[in-house]
Protein backbone atom coordinates (compact mmCIF):
# COMPACT_ATOMS: atom_id res chain seq x y z
CA MET A 1 -0.28 18.94 -20.48
CA GLU A 2 -1.90 22.31 -19.30
CA LEU A 3 0.67 24.22 -18.83
CA VAL A 4 -0.47 27.30 -16.51
CA SER A 5 2.21 30.66 -16.17
CA VAL A 6 -0.40 32.76 -12.58
CA LEU A 7 2.86 34.00 -10.66
CA HIS A 8 4.45 37.86 -10.81
CA GLU A 9 7.27 38.34 -9.50
CA ASP A 10 5.90 40.03 -6.37
CA ALA A 11 3.19 38.14 -5.86
CA ALA A 12 3.50 35.18 -3.52
CA GLN A 13 4.47 37.69 -0.78
CA ASN A 14 2.03 36.30 1.63
CA ALA A 15 0.70 33.18 2.73
CA ASP A 16 -2.65 34.80 0.64
CA THR A 17 -1.93 34.76 -1.88
CA ALA A 18 -0.74 31.55 -2.40
CA GLU A 19 -3.77 30.23 -1.85
CA LEU A 20 -5.14 31.57 -4.00
CA LEU A 21 -2.48 30.59 -6.70
CA VAL A 22 -3.41 26.96 -5.64
CA LYS A 23 -6.65 27.74 -6.12
CA GLU A 24 -5.74 29.05 -9.47
CA ILE A 25 -4.04 26.38 -10.92
CA GLN A 26 -6.44 24.03 -9.38
CA GLU A 27 -8.91 25.16 -11.59
CA HIS A 28 -6.82 24.94 -14.47
CA ILE A 29 -5.79 21.70 -14.41
CA ASN A 30 -9.40 20.51 -15.29
CA GLY A 31 -8.19 16.70 -15.11
CA SER A 32 -4.71 17.24 -17.16
CA LYS A 33 -2.06 14.39 -16.49
CA GLN A 34 0.52 16.68 -16.07
CA THR A 35 0.69 20.96 -15.37
CA ALA A 36 3.44 22.92 -15.64
CA VAL A 37 4.37 25.47 -13.53
CA PHE A 38 6.28 28.43 -14.06
CA PHE A 39 7.04 30.71 -11.33
CA ALA A 40 8.98 34.35 -12.42
CA TYR A 41 11.30 35.37 -8.72
CA THR A 42 13.93 38.82 -8.44
CA THR A 43 16.69 38.67 -5.70
CA LYS A 44 13.78 40.15 -3.41
CA THR A 45 11.43 37.90 -3.71
CA ILE A 46 12.63 34.46 -4.72
CA LYS A 47 12.58 33.28 -1.66
CA PHE A 48 8.23 34.01 -1.12
CA VAL A 49 8.15 32.46 -4.71
CA ILE A 50 10.23 29.32 -2.83
CA LYS A 51 7.06 29.38 0.08
CA ALA A 52 4.39 29.48 -2.13
CA ALA A 53 6.08 26.96 -4.84
CA GLU A 54 6.44 24.12 -1.40
CA LEU A 55 2.66 25.55 -0.77
CA VAL A 56 1.19 24.29 -4.85
CA LYS A 57 3.44 21.15 -4.35
CA ASN A 58 2.19 20.09 -0.74
CA LYS A 59 -1.40 20.98 -1.33
CA GLN A 60 -1.70 19.41 -5.50
CA ASN A 61 -2.06 15.71 -5.63
CA SER A 62 -1.50 15.48 -10.11
CA SER A 63 1.48 15.62 -11.21
CA LEU A 64 3.19 19.17 -11.20
CA VAL A 65 6.35 20.47 -12.73
CA LEU A 66 7.76 23.50 -11.34
CA ILE A 67 9.48 25.44 -13.28
CA CYS A 68 11.57 28.77 -11.92
CA PHE A 69 12.99 31.05 -14.40
CA GLY A 70 13.83 34.93 -13.64
CA ALA A 71 18.12 35.49 -12.62
CA GLU A 72 21.18 36.07 -14.92
CA ASN A 73 23.38 33.25 -12.79
CA GLN A 74 22.22 30.41 -10.56
CA GLU A 75 24.58 31.26 -8.22
CA GLN A 76 21.86 33.86 -7.00
CA ILE A 77 19.34 31.02 -6.55
CA GLN A 78 21.36 27.57 -4.92
CA HIS A 79 21.93 30.26 -2.28
CA CYS A 80 18.55 29.66 -1.31
CA LYS A 81 17.58 26.86 1.28
CA ASP A 82 15.23 24.47 -0.25
CA TYR A 83 15.28 25.96 -4.52
CA GLU A 84 14.89 22.39 -5.19
CA VAL A 85 11.52 22.17 -4.92
CA PHE A 86 11.45 23.09 -8.39
CA ASP A 87 11.94 21.00 -11.03
CA TYR A 88 14.09 23.15 -13.55
CA VAL A 89 15.60 26.19 -13.15
CA ILE A 90 15.96 28.61 -16.22
CA THR A 91 18.73 31.11 -16.01
CA GLY A 92 19.04 34.22 -18.43
CA GLU A 93 17.07 34.36 -21.22
CA PRO A 94 13.73 31.32 -21.13
CA GLU A 95 11.96 31.92 -24.22
CA VAL A 96 13.40 29.35 -26.02
CA SER A 97 14.52 27.20 -23.98
CA SER A 98 10.76 27.02 -21.48
CA ALA A 99 9.85 25.82 -25.42
CA GLU A 100 12.31 23.45 -25.72
CA LEU A 101 11.90 21.83 -22.78
CA LEU A 102 7.28 22.00 -23.09
CA GLN A 103 8.45 19.89 -25.77
CA ASN A 104 9.93 16.59 -23.29
CA LEU A 105 8.59 17.49 -19.84
CA ARG A 106 9.45 15.64 -17.02
CA GLY A 107 9.31 15.67 -13.28
CA THR A 108 12.75 15.59 -12.10
CA GLN A 109 14.48 13.78 -8.72
CA LYS A 110 17.25 16.81 -8.53
CA THR A 111 16.37 20.55 -9.64
CA VAL A 112 18.24 20.52 -12.99
CA PHE A 113 20.17 24.18 -14.45
CA ILE A 114 19.34 25.51 -17.31
CA THR A 115 21.32 27.85 -19.71
CA GLY A 116 18.13 30.00 -21.05
CA LYS A 117 19.66 31.00 -25.05
CA THR A 118 19.21 33.91 -26.07
CA ALA A 119 17.13 34.27 -29.07
CA LYS A 120 16.96 37.55 -31.63
CA ALA A 121 14.81 40.95 -31.06
CA GLU A 122 12.32 40.04 -33.46
CA ASP A 123 12.18 36.96 -32.41
CA LEU A 124 11.00 36.94 -29.13
CA PRO A 125 6.74 35.91 -29.14
CA SER A 126 4.70 38.83 -27.31
CA PRO A 127 2.70 36.79 -24.59
CA TRP A 128 -0.06 39.97 -24.85
CA LEU A 129 0.14 39.35 -28.94
CA ASP A 130 -0.12 35.34 -28.56
CA GLY A 131 -2.58 35.20 -25.62
CA THR A 132 -0.97 34.04 -23.51
CA LEU A 133 -1.40 36.98 -20.63
CA ASP A 134 -4.65 38.68 -20.92
CA PRO A 135 -4.87 42.34 -20.17
CA VAL A 136 -8.12 41.53 -18.41
CA ASP A 137 -6.91 39.89 -15.80
CA TYR A 138 -4.88 42.54 -14.68
CA ASN A 139 -4.93 46.12 -13.05
CA GLY A 140 -1.94 46.88 -15.41
CA VAL A 141 0.64 45.39 -16.81
CA VAL A 142 4.23 45.07 -17.23
CA TRP A 143 5.40 46.29 -20.61
CA GLU A 144 8.65 45.22 -21.94
CA LEU A 145 10.59 47.36 -24.28
CA SER A 146 13.73 46.55 -24.10
CA ARG A 147 16.43 43.42 -22.69
CA GLY A 148 19.40 44.37 -20.74
CA CYS A 149 20.08 47.53 -19.76
CA GLY A 150 23.79 48.77 -20.89
CA GLN A 151 24.58 50.51 -18.15
CA LYS A 152 26.78 48.56 -16.55
CA CYS A 153 26.59 49.44 -12.81
CA PRO A 154 28.36 47.88 -10.39
CA PHE A 155 25.80 46.44 -7.72
CA CYS A 156 23.60 45.33 -9.89
CA ALA A 157 23.52 41.82 -12.13
CA ASN A 158 21.94 42.78 -15.60
CA HIS A 159 25.02 42.98 -17.62
CA LYS A 160 24.51 42.74 -20.97
CA GLU A 161 23.54 45.43 -23.30
CA ARG A 162 20.02 46.68 -24.08
CA ILE A 163 18.37 45.30 -26.86
CA PRO A 164 15.21 47.74 -27.71
CA LEU A 165 12.30 45.30 -28.70
CA PRO A 166 11.24 45.92 -32.11
CA LEU A 167 8.45 49.31 -32.88
CA SER A 168 6.40 47.06 -35.05
CA ARG A 169 5.31 44.94 -31.57
CA LEU A 170 4.68 47.51 -29.49
CA GLU A 171 2.37 49.77 -31.18
CA LYS A 172 0.05 45.54 -31.87
CA GLU A 173 0.88 45.74 -28.02
CA LEU A 174 -0.13 49.42 -27.77
CA GLU A 175 -3.37 48.65 -29.31
CA LEU A 176 -4.32 45.84 -28.29
CA PHE A 177 -3.55 47.71 -24.50
CA ALA A 178 -5.96 50.54 -25.91
CA LYS A 179 -8.42 47.60 -26.97
CA LYS A 180 -9.17 46.31 -23.52
CA LYS A 181 -8.73 49.73 -21.72
CA VAL A 182 -5.57 49.01 -19.68
CA PRO A 183 -5.52 51.77 -17.13
CA GLU A 184 -2.26 51.54 -15.48
CA VAL A 185 1.31 50.69 -17.51
CA TYR A 186 3.94 50.38 -16.20
CA VAL A 187 6.68 50.62 -18.62
CA LYS A 188 9.72 47.68 -18.08
CA ASP A 189 12.86 49.50 -20.19
CA LYS A 190 15.80 50.15 -17.78
CA VAL A 191 17.02 53.49 -18.95
CA PHE A 192 13.31 54.60 -21.27
CA ASN A 193 15.49 57.69 -22.45
CA VAL A 194 18.91 56.89 -22.98
CA ASP A 195 18.31 56.60 -26.87
CA LYS A 196 16.14 59.73 -26.97
CA GLU A 197 14.65 59.23 -31.31
CA ARG A 198 13.44 55.59 -29.89
CA ALA A 199 11.95 57.63 -26.85
CA LEU A 200 10.50 60.27 -28.20
CA LYS A 201 8.88 58.13 -30.69
CA LEU A 202 6.73 55.53 -28.22
CA LEU A 203 6.13 58.86 -26.30
CA SER A 204 4.41 59.65 -29.11
CA LEU A 205 2.58 56.15 -30.12
CA MET A 206 1.22 56.11 -26.32
CA GLN A 207 -0.50 59.92 -26.68
CA LYS A 208 -2.18 58.76 -29.81
CA LYS A 209 -2.62 55.46 -29.28
CA LEU A 210 -3.86 55.07 -25.28
CA PRO A 211 -3.90 58.48 -23.86
CA ASP A 212 -5.63 57.80 -20.79
CA ALA A 213 -3.75 54.95 -19.29
CA HIS A 214 -0.65 56.40 -16.76
CA TYR A 215 2.74 54.89 -16.75
CA GLN A 216 5.63 54.55 -14.86
CA PHE A 217 8.43 54.96 -16.72
CA SER A 218 12.43 54.57 -15.12
CA VAL A 219 14.36 57.15 -16.51
CA SER A 220 17.84 58.90 -16.63
CA ALA A 221 17.90 61.95 -15.65
CA ASP A 222 21.53 62.80 -17.36
CA HIS A 223 19.35 62.06 -20.60
CA MET A 224 16.66 63.98 -20.15
CA ASP A 225 16.06 67.19 -22.06
CA LYS A 226 13.26 70.24 -23.05
CA GLN A 227 11.83 68.11 -25.78
CA LEU A 228 11.37 64.77 -23.84
CA VAL A 229 9.86 66.60 -20.86
CA ARG A 230 7.25 68.38 -22.90
CA ALA A 231 6.70 64.93 -25.01
CA PHE A 232 6.47 63.39 -20.89
CA CYS A 233 4.18 65.87 -20.24
CA ALA A 234 1.17 64.71 -23.25
CA LEU A 235 0.95 61.80 -20.21
CA SER A 236 -0.39 61.20 -17.46
CA CYS A 237 2.98 59.61 -15.91
CA SER A 238 5.55 59.08 -12.90
CA LEU A 239 9.04 58.81 -13.35
CA GLN A 240 11.74 57.30 -11.73
CA ILE A 241 15.84 57.75 -11.74
CA ASN A 242 18.31 56.37 -9.82
CA LEU A 243 19.89 58.94 -7.44
CA ILE A 244 21.47 56.04 -5.47
CA SER A 245 24.31 58.12 -3.78
CA SER A 246 25.29 61.61 -3.95
CA SER A 247 28.75 61.37 -2.38
CA PRO A 248 31.97 61.33 -4.48
CA THR A 249 33.86 59.13 -2.20
CA VAL A 250 30.68 56.76 -2.65
CA LEU A 251 30.29 57.07 -6.41
CA LYS A 252 33.62 57.13 -7.45
CA ASN A 253 34.09 53.37 -5.60
CA CYS A 254 31.42 52.24 -7.68
CA GLY A 255 33.14 53.91 -11.23
CA MET A 256 30.28 56.38 -11.39
CA SER A 257 30.69 60.23 -11.17
CA PHE A 258 27.92 62.53 -10.40
CA ASP A 259 27.46 66.46 -11.15
CA LYS A 260 25.11 67.69 -8.20
CA LYS A 261 24.21 71.48 -10.08
CA GLN A 262 23.93 69.47 -13.11
CA PHE A 263 21.54 67.00 -11.95
CA ALA A 264 19.37 69.23 -10.10
CA HIS A 265 19.13 71.90 -13.15
CA LYS A 266 18.04 68.10 -14.49
CA ILE A 267 15.20 67.62 -12.27
CA ARG A 268 14.17 71.41 -12.54
CA MET A 269 13.33 70.71 -15.70
CA LEU A 270 10.48 68.06 -14.15
CA ASN A 271 9.73 70.40 -11.84
CA ASP A 272 8.83 73.28 -13.57
CA ASN A 273 6.79 71.28 -15.32
CA GLU A 274 4.98 69.72 -12.64
CA LEU A 275 6.09 66.54 -13.77
CA ILE A 276 5.41 63.45 -10.92
CA PHE A 277 9.05 61.71 -10.25
CA GLY A 278 10.75 60.00 -7.79
CA PHE A 279 14.80 58.52 -6.32
CA ASN A 280 16.00 55.09 -5.76
CA LEU A 281 18.77 55.75 -3.11
CA ILE A 282 21.14 52.19 -1.87
CA TYR A 283 22.85 52.45 0.92
CA GLY A 284 25.60 51.12 3.03
CA LEU A 285 27.82 51.02 -0.68
CA PRO A 286 31.48 50.48 -0.67
CA GLY A 287 32.70 53.85 0.95
CA ASP A 288 29.42 55.04 2.23
CA THR A 289 29.04 56.26 6.22
CA TYR A 290 26.13 56.52 8.31
CA PRO A 291 26.95 60.65 7.94
CA SER A 292 27.43 60.54 3.61
CA PHE A 293 23.83 58.67 3.60
CA ARG A 294 21.85 61.45 5.28
CA GLU A 295 23.71 63.49 3.30
CA THR A 296 22.23 61.80 0.19
CA LEU A 297 18.48 62.28 1.18
CA ASP A 298 18.90 65.86 2.54
CA TYR A 299 19.97 66.21 -1.29
CA ALA A 300 17.19 64.52 -2.57
CA LEU A 301 14.67 65.97 -0.07
CA SER A 302 15.79 69.40 -1.50
CA LEU A 303 14.49 68.46 -4.91
CA TYR A 304 11.22 67.86 -3.90
CA PRO A 305 10.81 64.03 -5.80
CA ASN A 306 6.95 62.88 -5.04
CA HIS A 307 8.51 59.61 -3.66
CA LEU A 308 11.97 57.80 -2.17
CA GLU A 309 12.60 53.93 -2.82
CA ILE A 310 15.69 53.08 -0.36
CA HIS A 311 17.20 50.62 -0.29
CA ARG A 312 20.25 48.65 1.26
CA PHE A 313 23.12 48.13 -0.85
CA SER A 314 22.98 44.06 -1.66
CA LEU A 315 25.91 42.13 -2.58
CA ILE A 316 23.97 39.69 -5.65
CA PRO A 317 26.72 37.00 -6.48
CA GLY A 318 28.02 37.71 -10.53
CA THR A 319 28.39 41.62 -9.85
CA LYS A 320 31.22 43.72 -10.54
CA LEU A 321 31.29 44.46 -6.33
CA SER A 322 30.17 41.52 -5.34
CA THR A 323 34.14 40.44 -6.90
CA GLY A 324 36.94 40.07 -3.85
CA ALA A 325 34.44 41.50 -1.63
CA GLU A 326 35.69 40.14 1.34
CA LYS A 327 39.20 41.29 1.06
CA THR A 328 37.72 44.73 1.19
CA GLY A 329 35.76 43.90 4.67
CA ILE A 330 32.73 43.51 3.13
CA ARG A 331 30.27 40.64 4.45
CA ALA A 332 27.07 40.10 3.35
CA GLU A 333 24.26 38.24 3.78
CA ASN A 334 25.09 34.33 2.09
CA GLU A 335 20.99 33.90 0.78
CA PRO A 336 18.98 36.60 -1.19
CA PRO A 337 18.42 39.12 -0.86
CA PHE A 338 22.43 40.16 0.15
CA HIS A 339 21.68 42.77 2.26
CA ILE A 340 25.50 44.33 3.83
CA GLN A 341 25.91 43.05 7.02
CA VAL A 342 28.60 45.34 8.09
CA SER A 343 31.39 47.16 5.99
CA PRO A 344 34.81 48.86 6.78
CA THR A 345 32.88 52.53 6.79
CA PHE A 346 29.37 51.32 8.18
CA SER A 347 29.18 49.21 11.13
CA GLU A 348 25.91 46.74 12.03
CA LEU A 349 24.51 50.19 13.78
CA ASP A 350 24.90 52.33 11.92
CA LEU A 351 23.04 50.14 9.07
CA LEU A 352 20.15 49.51 11.70
CA LYS A 353 20.24 53.19 12.02
CA ALA A 354 19.84 53.68 8.64
CA GLU A 355 17.40 50.95 7.81
CA ASN A 356 15.20 52.66 10.73
CA LEU A 357 16.02 56.48 9.45
CA ALA A 358 14.56 55.12 5.46
CA PHE A 359 11.93 53.27 6.71
CA ALA A 360 10.67 56.68 9.09
CA CYS A 361 10.81 58.67 5.62
CA THR A 362 8.92 55.97 3.27
CA VAL A 363 6.29 55.91 6.29
CA PHE A 364 6.09 59.75 6.63
CA TYR A 365 7.25 61.31 3.67
CA THR A 366 6.08 58.81 1.09
CA ALA A 367 3.04 57.38 2.15
CA GLY A 368 2.37 60.30 3.82
CA ARG A 369 2.53 62.44 -0.04
CA ALA A 370 4.35 64.93 2.08
CA VAL A 371 5.59 66.56 -0.81
CA PRO A 372 4.59 69.80 -1.59
CA TRP A 373 4.49 70.75 2.60
CA PHE A 374 7.06 68.96 3.33
CA LEU A 375 10.96 71.82 3.73
CA SER A 376 8.01 74.43 4.36
CA VAL A 377 6.42 72.71 7.08
CA ILE A 378 9.39 71.74 8.61
CA HIS A 379 11.79 74.88 8.55
CA PRO A 380 10.34 76.89 11.14
CA LEU A 381 12.37 73.80 13.15
CA LYS A 382 15.14 74.73 11.92
CA ILE A 383 16.85 71.16 11.23
CA LYS A 384 17.69 69.16 7.96
CA PRO A 385 15.10 66.43 7.02
CA SER A 386 17.55 63.87 8.08
CA GLN A 387 17.31 64.82 11.60
CA PHE A 388 13.34 65.00 11.36
CA PHE A 389 13.36 61.67 10.49
CA SER A 390 16.17 59.98 12.84
CA ASP A 391 13.54 61.20 15.33
CA PHE A 392 10.77 60.56 13.75
CA ALA A 393 12.62 57.14 13.30
CA GLU A 394 12.49 57.19 17.70
CA TRP A 395 9.29 58.10 17.78
CA LEU A 396 7.56 54.91 15.81
CA ARG A 397 9.56 52.82 18.15
CA CYS A 398 8.42 54.19 20.70
CA ASN A 399 4.54 53.82 19.79
CA ASN A 400 5.72 50.42 18.35
CA CYS A 401 5.24 51.67 14.55
CA ALA A 402 9.05 50.55 13.60
CA LYS A 403 9.90 48.16 10.24
CA SER A 404 10.87 45.48 12.98
CA THR A 405 7.05 45.23 14.61
CA GLY A 406 5.83 44.32 10.73
CA PHE A 407 3.33 47.63 10.38
CA ASP A 408 3.18 48.43 6.52
CA PRO A 409 2.66 51.91 6.45
CA PHE A 410 0.92 51.27 2.37
CA SER A 411 -1.70 48.50 4.22
CA GLN A 412 -2.80 51.76 5.78
CA PRO A 413 -5.77 54.50 4.82
CA HIS A 414 -4.02 57.93 4.21
CA THR A 415 -5.81 59.34 6.64
CA GLU A 416 -4.26 57.21 9.52
CA ILE A 417 -1.14 57.73 8.38
CA GLU A 418 -1.82 61.32 8.30
CA LYS A 419 -2.88 61.23 11.75
CA ILE A 420 1.13 59.68 12.70
CA GLN A 421 2.08 63.39 10.69
CA LEU A 422 0.25 65.42 12.87
CA LEU A 423 0.76 64.07 16.63
CA PHE A 424 4.81 63.91 15.48
CA LEU A 425 4.44 67.45 14.05
CA GLU A 426 2.70 68.78 16.87
CA LEU A 427 5.46 66.82 19.77
CA LYS A 428 8.65 68.78 17.60
CA TYR A 429 6.58 72.61 16.87
CA GLU A 430 6.00 71.62 21.29
CA GLU A 431 9.72 71.01 21.70
CA LYS A 432 10.23 74.26 19.47
CA ARG A 433 7.76 76.38 21.23
CA LEU A 434 6.38 77.07 18.60
CA SER A 435 2.28 75.57 19.48
CA PHE A 436 0.93 78.86 18.15
CA ALA A 437 2.14 77.95 14.37
CA PHE A 438 0.99 74.28 14.32
CA PRO A 439 -2.28 75.45 13.59
CA VAL A 440 -1.41 76.00 10.16
CA VAL A 441 0.67 73.72 9.74
CA LYS A 442 -2.67 71.21 10.34
CA ASP A 443 -4.40 73.44 8.10
CA VAL A 444 -1.67 72.49 5.27
CA VAL A 445 -1.29 68.94 6.01
CA CYS A 446 -4.79 68.73 6.04
CA LEU A 447 -6.29 70.48 2.62
CA ASN A 448 -3.06 68.67 0.96
CA GLY A 449 -3.47 65.35 2.41
CA ALA A 450 -7.72 65.45 0.94
CA LEU A 451 -6.76 66.73 -2.30
CA SER A 452 -3.80 64.13 -2.42
CA ARG A 453 -6.77 61.36 -1.50
CA LEU A 454 -9.53 62.87 -4.13
CA PHE A 455 -6.28 62.47 -6.74
CA ALA A 456 -5.31 58.70 -6.06
CA GLU A 457 -8.78 57.35 -4.75
CA GLY A 458 -11.68 59.55 -5.49
CA GLU A 459 -12.16 60.06 -2.27
CA GLU A 460 -14.42 63.47 -1.10
CA THR A 461 -12.99 64.89 2.32
CA THR A 462 -14.99 67.00 4.76
CA LEU A 463 -12.60 68.82 7.50
CA ARG A 464 -12.61 71.52 9.57
CA THR A 465 -10.07 74.07 8.95
CA MET A 466 -8.31 76.82 11.12
CA TYR A 467 -7.54 79.21 8.24
CA HIS A 468 -9.70 79.86 4.85
CA PRO A 469 -8.36 77.63 2.47
CA ASP A 470 -7.30 80.46 -0.17
CA ASP A 471 -5.44 81.33 2.43
CA ILE A 472 -3.98 78.34 2.67
CA LEU A 473 -3.56 76.82 0.04
CA GLY A 474 -2.27 80.30 -1.41
CA GLY A 475 1.92 80.44 -1.49
CA SER A 476 1.91 83.39 1.73
CA ALA A 477 1.12 79.96 3.94
CA PHE A 478 4.72 77.92 2.81
CA ASP A 479 5.99 81.33 5.80
CA VAL A 480 4.65 78.47 8.26
CA THR A 481 5.54 80.67 11.23
CA ALA A 482 5.03 84.34 9.63
CA PHE A 483 1.47 82.92 7.88
CA ALA A 484 0.28 82.88 11.97
CA GLU A 485 1.97 85.24 13.15
CA GLU A 486 -0.21 87.72 11.19
CA ALA A 487 -2.65 85.94 9.00
CA CYS A 488 -6.68 86.16 10.36
CA ALA A 489 -8.15 83.01 11.82
CA GLU A 490 -11.36 81.93 10.07
CA PRO A 491 -12.50 78.71 11.27
CA CYS A 492 -14.24 77.22 8.06
CA THR A 493 -15.71 73.59 7.76
CA VAL A 494 -14.91 72.55 3.29
CA ARG A 495 -15.61 70.06 1.67
CA VAL A 496 -12.80 69.57 -1.08
CA PHE A 497 -14.92 67.43 -3.77
CA ASN A 498 -14.18 66.48 -8.04
CA ASN A 499 -15.70 69.68 -10.16
CA ASN A 500 -16.36 68.36 -13.35
CA GLY A 501 -12.98 66.14 -13.30
CA SER A 502 -10.76 68.49 -11.60
CA PRO A 503 -10.28 69.62 -7.62
CA ASP A 504 -12.14 72.00 -5.81
CA PHE A 505 -13.43 72.83 -2.46
CA GLN A 506 -16.40 74.29 -1.54
CA ILE A 507 -17.53 76.53 2.06
CA ILE A 508 -20.42 74.64 3.87
């Protein structure tokens, strides 16, 4: 029997990927009479995974056994049409149960659900160390440090207590990653810094064993302190933080608390040390409204995050908030991703407006890499960020770039997003009778964009500016209108390039 495990959580989101999957499975079979294919999924990706599984089954003539795993309960997948393409669905911990299943594997007439058996942390096999996965096959790795979470958020289906994996195993995995020259590591630990002592040990190991990789962490702002900040600064890394909402009403309804001043103090430590971080926001939670979501967005952007991940609330079966939801007037989709459709405080129209607002922010701010200049550039317009993005959402709609058109900002070169930014900013500055200051804005956006492409893609840029780069990149340009009124124009052709590992520019 041949065992194939080639599909990751979000790898089946288009037909091309599914076609590649079929080819890879064919390469693995090599005449085997029976092949088992494992599919991992999340609530977000299950529909795409099912489509990929159907394509695999339809195009592969050999005897295939399709096995799916991912959710904590079978309700999540049973709400999907065509889930019966799978022979087996393992809910919960997959390792022990999948190993037992493979000992007596056979096709089925009807999908069989198996409740995964929990194993001790020290008994869990490492897919990296046992050779199931080879880091060389990927541009980066997902590195699991713990199971469960322990935060017990009422909107999350992961209710299990956090179980850390042994440090001895993790050290060996790091050594393997170093040997294989892994460039990027996504750290799979819901709240990496909840145990400060363990977090410091792991950060020290990363710095010692694999210092050249870029790491992505999920952390809690509440547990951040100066010692942890210094340890993170020793690595190339980015931090993802759950802000969720800044509304006291929303958080109270979710059994959560939030101190704006304390949160801002913790984030200030990250900014002061130039750490890259982003926030997770959710709109549509019980008690949330379109105005309160906009307030959350304004608060989040005031803290200078590098990026925002903004999600519509999903009423996932098995979560605390899903219990009795119909009695509270909340209605959601009956299949994944279980997005909320209406609530007593959030109408269908307002949810659509919030979705468009979130997408506008994603295009302009996150895909547009706007964090270095965004607040200073919109300050002369005398509007809040949420109003700016609301206007931009309408502009996207009028220019056939709204979310409903399928426009994907992350599939575009950054230079294309930059063009969109400049077109809209020029329009807003004209509206406010500030056209005289737009050349400053253009230089700020383009110079920072060139530096971001040098950092992210290693791309060199040559551009024309109205002002000298030293003046634009200096602190005085943060006051856009004052700079436009007082600074002397000095048109330049500027080359932005890598100078022995450091960003640099020269006038040519």
